[in-house]
Each structure stands twice: as structure tokens, then as C-alpha cells.
């Protein structure tokens, strides 16, 4: 994975499922599968969980759309 931020929730979820599945528990895997196919925006709690999973896997964060 590159050094920049992930651009979509789907991209982030699939990266975790594809390259870090051995580090995920059942609940995290279910969560990632659900958000990979859902058109519904993430809640604040879901976004936080995804951010933690990305950080633990050493992957870049999800791009929040800001230019900070």
C-alpha cells in the first residue's frame, strides 16, 4: 500500500481484509465486510473503529476530504 491516505471506505476495508485478515477477529472481519459493500456513510463510532484497525495494521488513514 502506498504512503498516502486511503481514498474510500471500501478501499480501506478491502486492504485490511486482503492483506491483514490473519490479525482480525471475527467481529472485525464482519464489520469490514459490511462497510466494504454498504453505501451508507460511516457513523462516528464506525469511522473510529476503522481508523483504529488501519493504524494497528500500519496502513494509512482514511482520507477525510480535508486539506489539513
PDB file of N, CA and C in Angstrom:
ATOM      1  N   UNK A   1       0.839  -1.170   0.000  1.00  0.00           N
ATOM      2  CA  UNK A   1       0.000   0.000   0.000  1.00  0.00           C
ATOM      3  C   UNK A   1       0.884   1.232   0.000  1.00  0.00           C
ATOM      4  N   UNK A   2       0.435   2.267  -0.644  1.00  0.00           N
ATOM      5  CA  UNK A   2       1.215   3.480  -0.768  1.00  0.00           C
ATOM      6  C   UNK A   2       1.279   4.259   0.528  1.00  0.00           C
ATOM      7  N   UNK A   3       1.972   5.397   0.485  1.00  0.00           N
ATOM      8  CA  UNK A   3       2.145   6.200   1.670  1.00  0.00           C
ATOM      9  C   UNK A   3       1.002   7.154   1.936  1.00  0.00           C
ATOM     10  N   UNK A   4       0.132   7.380   0.939  1.00  0.00           N
ATOM     11  CA  UNK A   4      -0.956   8.335   1.093  1.00  0.00           C
ATOM     12  C   UNK A   4      -2.155   7.727   1.783  1.00  0.00           C
ATOM     13  N   UNK A   5      -3.117   8.576   2.040  1.00  0.00           N
ATOM     14  CA  UNK A   5      -4.336   8.133   2.704  1.00  0.00           C
ATOM     15  C   UNK A   5      -5.187   7.272   1.775  1.00  0.00           C
ATOM     16  N   UNK A   6      -5.949   6.371   2.381  1.00  0.00           N
ATOM     17  CA  UNK A   6      -6.932   5.587   1.634  1.00  0.00           C
ATOM     18  C   UNK A   6      -8.005   6.566   1.162  1.00  0.00           C
ATOM     19  N   UNK A   7      -8.534   6.351  -0.031  1.00  0.00           N
ATOM     20  CA  UNK A   7      -9.495   7.316  -0.556  1.00  0.00           C
ATOM     21  C   UNK A   7     -10.943   6.943  -0.294  1.00  0.00           C
ATOM     22  N   UNK A   8     -11.244   5.676  -0.101  1.00  0.00           N
ATOM     23  CA  UNK A   8     -12.627   5.276   0.159  1.00  0.00           C
ATOM     24  C   UNK A   8     -12.683   4.264   1.293  1.00  0.00           C
ATOM     25  N   UNK A   9     -13.840   4.193   1.915  1.00  0.00           N
ATOM     26  CA  UNK A   9     -14.072   3.197   2.961  1.00  0.00           C
ATOM     27  C   UNK A   9     -13.880   1.799   2.380  1.00  0.00           C
ATOM     28  N   UNK A  10     -14.402   1.578   1.185  1.00  0.00           N
ATOM     29  CA  UNK A  10     -14.281   0.262   0.549  1.00  0.00           C
ATOM     30  C   UNK A  10     -12.818  -0.116   0.347  1.00  0.00           C
ATOM     31  N   UNK A  11     -12.021   0.817  -0.147  1.00  0.00           N
ATOM     32  CA  UNK A  11     -10.594   0.568  -0.360  1.00  0.00           C
ATOM     33  C   UNK A  11      -9.904   0.188   0.954  1.00  0.00           C
ATOM     34  N   UNK A  12     -10.210   0.917   2.012  1.00  0.00           N
ATOM     35  CA  UNK A  12      -9.604   0.646   3.311  1.00  0.00           C
ATOM     36  C   UNK A  12     -10.030  -0.720   3.846  1.00  0.00           C
ATOM     37  N   UNK A  13     -11.323  -1.010   3.775  1.00  0.00           N
ATOM     38  CA  UNK A  13     -11.830  -2.288   4.274  1.00  0.00           C
ATOM     39  C   UNK A  13     -11.237  -3.459   3.499  1.00  0.00           C
ATOM     40  N   UNK A  14     -11.187  -3.339   2.185  1.00  0.00           N
ATOM     41  CA  UNK A  14     -10.639  -4.425   1.371  1.00  0.00           C
ATOM     42  C   UNK A  14      -9.146  -4.611   1.606  1.00  0.00           C
ATOM     43  N   UNK A  15      -8.415  -3.528   1.823  1.00  0.00           N
ATOM     44  CA  UNK A  15      -6.982  -3.643   2.120  1.00  0.00           C
ATOM     45  C   UNK A  15      -6.771  -4.421   3.415  1.00  0.00           C
ATOM     46  N   UNK A  16      -7.570  -4.128   4.420  1.00  0.00           N
ATOM     47  CA  UNK A  16      -7.462  -4.850   5.685  1.00  0.00           C
ATOM     48  C   UNK A  16      -7.844  -6.317   5.522  1.00  0.00           C
ATOM     49  N   UNK A  17      -8.937  -6.574   4.838  1.00  0.00           N
ATOM     50  CA  UNK A  17      -9.385  -7.956   4.642  1.00  0.00           C
ATOM     51  C   UNK A  17      -8.412  -8.761   3.785  1.00  0.00           C
ATOM     52  N   UNK A  18      -7.825  -8.130   2.791  1.00  0.00           N
ATOM     53  CA  UNK A  18      -6.943  -8.828   1.864  1.00  0.00           C
ATOM     54  C   UNK A  18      -5.554  -9.069   2.445  1.00  0.00           C
ATOM     55  N   UNK A  19      -4.995  -8.067   3.086  1.00  0.00           N
ATOM     56  CA  UNK A  19      -3.596  -8.145   3.495  1.00  0.00           C
ATOM     57  C   UNK A  19      -3.376  -8.329   4.992  1.00  0.00           C
ATOM     58  N   UNK A  20      -4.422  -8.226   5.795  1.00  0.00           N
ATOM     59  CA  UNK A  20      -4.256  -8.311   7.247  1.00  0.00           C
ATOM     60  C   UNK A  20      -5.321  -9.186   7.907  1.00  0.00           C
ATOM     61  N   UNK A  21      -5.927 -10.080   7.151  1.00  0.00           N
ATOM     62  CA  UNK A  21      -7.007 -10.917   7.682  1.00  0.00           C
ATOM     63  C   UNK A  21      -6.554 -11.753   8.871  1.00  0.00           C
ATOM     64  N   UNK A  22      -5.294 -12.172   8.874  1.00  0.00           N
ATOM     65  CA  UNK A  22      -4.804 -13.019   9.961  1.00  0.00           C
ATOM     66  C   UNK A  22      -4.715 -12.278  11.293  1.00  0.00           C
ATOM     67  N   UNK A  23      -4.802 -10.953  11.276  1.00  0.00           N
ATOM     68  CA  UNK A  23      -4.741 -10.176  12.514  1.00  0.00           C
ATOM     69  C   UNK A  23      -6.125  -9.743  13.000  1.00  0.00           C
ATOM     70  N   UNK A  24      -7.162 -10.077  12.247  1.00  0.00           N
ATOM     71  CA  UNK A  24      -8.520  -9.636  12.574  1.00  0.00           C
ATOM     72  C   UNK A  24      -9.290 -10.715  13.317  1.00  0.00           C
ATOM     73  N   UNK A  25     -10.132 -10.281  14.252  1.00  0.00           N
ATOM     74  CA  UNK A  25     -11.043 -11.238  14.875  1.00  0.00           C
ATOM     75  C   UNK A  25     -12.333 -11.305  14.042  1.00  0.00           C
ATOM     76  N   UNK A  26     -13.204 -12.226  14.408  1.00  0.00           N
ATOM     77  CA  UNK A  26     -14.437 -12.452  13.643  1.00  0.00           C
ATOM     78  C   UNK A  26     -15.280 -11.180  13.548  1.00  0.00           C
ATOM     79  N   UNK A  27     -15.421 -10.491  14.652  1.00  0.00           N
ATOM     80  CA  UNK A  27     -16.256  -9.280  14.683  1.00  0.00           C
ATOM     81  C   UNK A  27     -15.690  -8.190  13.770  1.00  0.00           C
ATOM     82  N   UNK A  28     -14.376  -8.003  13.801  1.00  0.00           N
ATOM     83  CA  UNK A  28     -13.752  -7.002  12.927  1.00  0.00           C
ATOM     84  C   UNK A  28     -13.912  -7.375  11.462  1.00  0.00           C
ATOM     85  N   UNK A  29     -13.773  -8.661  11.154  1.00  0.00           N
ATOM     86  CA  UNK A  29     -13.957  -9.124   9.780  1.00  0.00           C
ATOM     87  C   UNK A  29     -15.371  -8.876   9.282  1.00  0.00           C
ATOM     88  N   UNK A  30     -16.347  -9.144  10.141  1.00  0.00           N
ATOM     89  CA  UNK A  30     -17.748  -8.882   9.775  1.00  0.00           C
ATOM     90  C   UNK A  30     -17.972  -7.396   9.521  1.00  0.00           C
ATOM     91  N   UNK A  31     -17.442  -6.572  10.404  1.00  0.00           N
ATOM     92  CA  UNK A  31     -17.567  -5.121  10.271  1.00  0.00           C
ATOM     93  C   UNK A  31     -16.974  -4.651   8.944  1.00  0.00           C
ATOM     94  N   UNK A  32     -15.774  -5.111   8.627  1.00  0.00           N
ATOM     95  CA  UNK A  32     -15.114  -4.685   7.394  1.00  0.00           C
ATOM     96  C   UNK A  32     -15.867  -5.162   6.159  1.00  0.00           C
ATOM     97  N   UNK A  33     -16.383  -6.379   6.187  1.00  0.00           N
ATOM     98  CA  UNK A  33     -17.165  -6.877   5.065  1.00  0.00           C
ATOM     99  C   UNK A  33     -18.424  -6.058   4.852  1.00  0.00           C
ATOM    100  N   UNK A  34     -19.061  -5.695   5.946  1.00  0.00           N
ATOM    101  CA  UNK A  34     -20.294  -4.901   5.862  1.00  0.00           C
ATOM    102  C   UNK A  34     -20.028  -3.512   5.306  1.00  0.00           C
ATOM    103  N   UNK A  35     -18.976  -2.845   5.792  1.00  0.00           N
ATOM    104  CA  UNK A  35     -18.730  -1.480   5.315  1.00  0.00           C
ATOM    105  C   UNK A  35     -18.152  -1.461   3.901  1.00  0.00           C
ATOM    106  N   UNK A  36     -17.555  -2.572   3.473  1.00  0.00           N
ATOM    107  CA  UNK A  36     -16.999  -2.636   2.112  1.00  0.00           C
ATOM    108  C   UNK A  36     -18.093  -2.597   1.055  1.00  0.00           C
ATOM    109  N   UNK A  37     -19.282  -3.070   1.389  1.00  0.00           N
ATOM    110  CA  UNK A  37     -20.363  -3.141   0.404  1.00  0.00           C
ATOM    111  C   UNK A  37     -21.508  -2.173   0.684  1.00  0.00           C
ATOM    112  N   UNK A  38     -21.456  -1.473   1.805  1.00  0.00           N
ATOM    113  CA  UNK A  38     -22.546  -0.577   2.181  1.00  0.00           C
ATOM    114  C   UNK A  38     -22.387   0.803   1.549  1.00  0.00           C
ATOM    115  N   UNK A  39     -23.488   1.342   1.067  1.00  0.00           N
ATOM    116  CA  UNK A  39     -23.490   2.702   0.515  1.00  0.00           C
ATOM    117  C   UNK A  39     -23.767   3.743   1.599  1.00  0.00           C
ATOM    118  N   UNK A  40     -24.090   3.285   2.792  1.00  0.00           N
ATOM    119  CA  UNK A  40     -24.399   4.175   3.904  1.00  0.00           C
ATOM    120  C   UNK A  40     -23.113   4.766   4.478  1.00  0.00           C
ATOM    121  N   UNK A  41     -23.068   6.069   4.711  1.00  0.00           N
ATOM    122  CA  UNK A  41     -21.876   6.669   5.322  1.00  0.00           C
ATOM    123  C   UNK A  41     -21.608   6.076   6.710  1.00  0.00           C
ATOM    124  N   UNK A  42     -20.346   6.055   7.105  1.00  0.00           N
ATOM    125  CA  UNK A  42     -19.986   5.536   8.421  1.00  0.00           C
ATOM    126  C   UNK A  42     -20.460   6.477   9.519  1.00  0.00           C
ATOM    127  N   UNK A  43     -20.877   5.886  10.628  1.00  0.00           N
ATOM    128  CA  UNK A  43     -21.165   6.690  11.809  1.00  0.00           C
ATOM    129  C   UNK A  43     -19.822   7.110  12.416  1.00  0.00           C
ATOM    130  N   UNK A  44     -19.862   8.009  13.359  1.00  0.00           N
ATOM    131  CA  UNK A  44     -18.636   8.450  14.027  1.00  0.00           C
ATOM    132  C   UNK A  44     -17.942   7.269  14.711  1.00  0.00           C
ATOM    133  N   UNK A  45     -18.732   6.411  15.342  1.00  0.00           N
ATOM    134  CA  UNK A  45     -18.181   5.238  16.030  1.00  0.00           C
ATOM    135  C   UNK A  45     -17.536   4.270  15.024  1.00  0.00           C
ATOM    136  N   UNK A  46     -18.202   4.035  13.898  1.00  0.00           N
ATOM    137  CA  UNK A  46     -17.650   3.152  12.869  1.00  0.00           C
ATOM    138  C   UNK A  46     -16.365   3.727  12.283  1.00  0.00           C
ATOM    139  N   UNK A  47     -16.349   5.024  12.034  1.00  0.00           N
ATOM    140  CA  UNK A  47     -15.153   5.675  11.493  1.00  0.00           C
ATOM    141  C   UNK A  47     -13.983   5.544  12.462  1.00  0.00           C
ATOM    142  N   UNK A  48     -14.270   5.661  13.744  1.00  0.00           N
ATOM    143  CA  UNK A  48     -13.230   5.496  14.756  1.00  0.00           C
ATOM    144  C   UNK A  48     -12.680   4.084  14.792  1.00  0.00           C
ATOM    145  N   UNK A  49     -13.575   3.098  14.681  1.00  0.00           N
ATOM    146  CA  UNK A  49     -13.151   1.697  14.682  1.00  0.00           C
ATOM    147  C   UNK A  49     -12.291   1.411  13.453  1.00  0.00           C
ATOM    148  N   UNK A  50     -12.719   1.884  12.294  1.00  0.00           N
ATOM    149  CA  UNK A  50     -11.942   1.686  11.071  1.00  0.00           C
ATOM    150  C   UNK A  50     -10.568   2.337  11.205  1.00  0.00           C
ATOM    151  N   UNK A  51     -10.512   3.537  11.748  1.00  0.00           N
ATOM    152  CA  UNK A  51      -9.233   4.231  11.931  1.00  0.00           C
ATOM    153  C   UNK A  51      -8.297   3.421  12.823  1.00  0.00           C
ATOM    154  N   UNK A  52      -8.831   2.835  13.902  1.00  0.00           N
ATOM    155  CA  UNK A  52      -8.013   2.008  14.797  1.00  0.00           C
ATOM    156  C   UNK A  52      -7.488   0.773  14.084  1.00  0.00           C
ATOM    157  N   UNK A  53      -8.336   0.131  13.299  1.00  0.00           N
ATOM    158  CA  UNK A  53      -7.903  -1.066  12.570  1.00  0.00           C
ATOM    159  C   UNK A  53      -6.810  -0.728  11.559  1.00  0.00           C
ATOM    160  N   UNK A  54      -6.962   0.388  10.854  1.00  0.00           N
ATOM    161  CA  UNK A  54      -5.949   0.816   9.889  1.00  0.00           C
ATOM    162  C   UNK A  54      -4.627   1.121  10.590  1.00  0.00           C
ATOM    163  N   UNK A  55      -4.705   1.818  11.706  1.00  0.00           N
ATOM    164  CA  UNK A  55      -3.498   2.173  12.453  1.00  0.00           C
ATOM    165  C   UNK A  55      -2.780   0.922  12.952  1.00  0.00           C
ATOM    166  N   UNK A  56      -3.525  -0.009  13.526  1.00  0.00           N
ATOM    167  CA  UNK A  56      -2.925  -1.252  14.038  1.00  0.00           C
ATOM    168  C   UNK A  56      -2.255  -2.065  12.937  1.00  0.00           C
ATOM    169  N   UNK A  57      -2.791  -1.977  11.729  1.00  0.00           N
ATOM    170  CA  UNK A  57      -2.235  -2.725  10.599  1.00  0.00           C
ATOM    171  C   UNK A  57      -1.090  -1.969   9.924  1.00  0.00           C
ATOM    172  N   UNK A  58      -0.831  -0.744  10.366  1.00  0.00           N
ATOM    173  CA  UNK A  58       0.228   0.053   9.760  1.00  0.00           C
ATOM    174  C   UNK A  58      -0.144   0.616   8.402  1.00  0.00           C
ATOM    175  N   UNK A  59      -1.441   0.735   8.159  1.00  0.00           N
ATOM    176  CA  UNK A  59      -1.929   1.272   6.891  1.00  0.00           C
ATOM    177  C   UNK A  59      -2.238   2.759   7.041  1.00  0.00           C
ATOM    178  N   UNK A  60      -2.226   3.497   5.929  1.00  0.00           N
ATOM    179  CA  UNK A  60      -2.539   4.925   6.009  1.00  0.00           C
ATOM    180  C   UNK A  60      -3.993   5.149   6.419  1.00  0.00           C
ATOM    181  N   UNK A  61      -4.273   6.303   7.000  1.00  0.00           N
ATOM    182  CA  UNK A  61      -5.643   6.601   7.428  1.00  0.00           C
ATOM    183  C   UNK A  61      -6.563   6.835   6.244  1.00  0.00           C
ATOM    184  N   UNK A  62      -7.842   6.841   6.547  1.00  0.00           N
ATOM    185  CA  UNK A  62      -8.851   7.161   5.542  1.00  0.00           C
ATOM    186  C   UNK A  62      -8.798   8.657   5.280  1.00  0.00           C
ATOM    187  N   UNK A  63      -8.809   9.046   4.017  1.00  0.00           N
ATOM    188  CA  UNK A  63      -8.814  10.456   3.637  1.00  0.00           C
ATOM    189  C   UNK A  63     -10.150  11.048   4.055  1.00  0.00           C
ATOM    190  N   UNK A  64     -10.110  12.062   4.924  1.00  0.00           N
ATOM    191  CA  UNK A  64     -11.364  12.659   5.402  1.00  0.00           C
ATOM    192  C   UNK A  64     -11.876  13.764   4.490  1.00  0.00           C
ATOM    193  N   UNK A  65     -11.169  14.014   3.390  1.00  0.00           N
ATOM    194  CA  UNK A  65     -11.633  15.014   2.439  1.00  0.00           C
ATOM    195  C   UNK A  65     -11.157  16.418   2.723  1.00  0.00           C
ATOM    196  N   UNK A  66     -10.474  16.618   3.863  1.00  0.00           N
ATOM    197  CA  UNK A  66      -9.976  17.959   4.167  1.00  0.00           C
ATOM    198  C   UNK A  66      -8.561  18.117   3.625  1.00  0.00           C
ATOM    199  N   UNK A  67      -8.126  19.348   3.528  1.00  0.00           N
ATOM    200  CA  UNK A  67      -6.777  19.632   3.044  1.00  0.00           C
ATOM    201  C   UNK A  67      -5.882  20.087   4.192  1.00  0.00           C
ATOM    202  N   UNK A  68      -6.062  19.514   5.348  1.00  0.00           N
ATOM    203  CA  UNK A  68      -5.301  19.913   6.537  1.00  0.00           C
ATOM    204  C   UNK A  68      -3.850  19.499   6.447  1.00  0.00           C
TER     205      UNK A  68
END
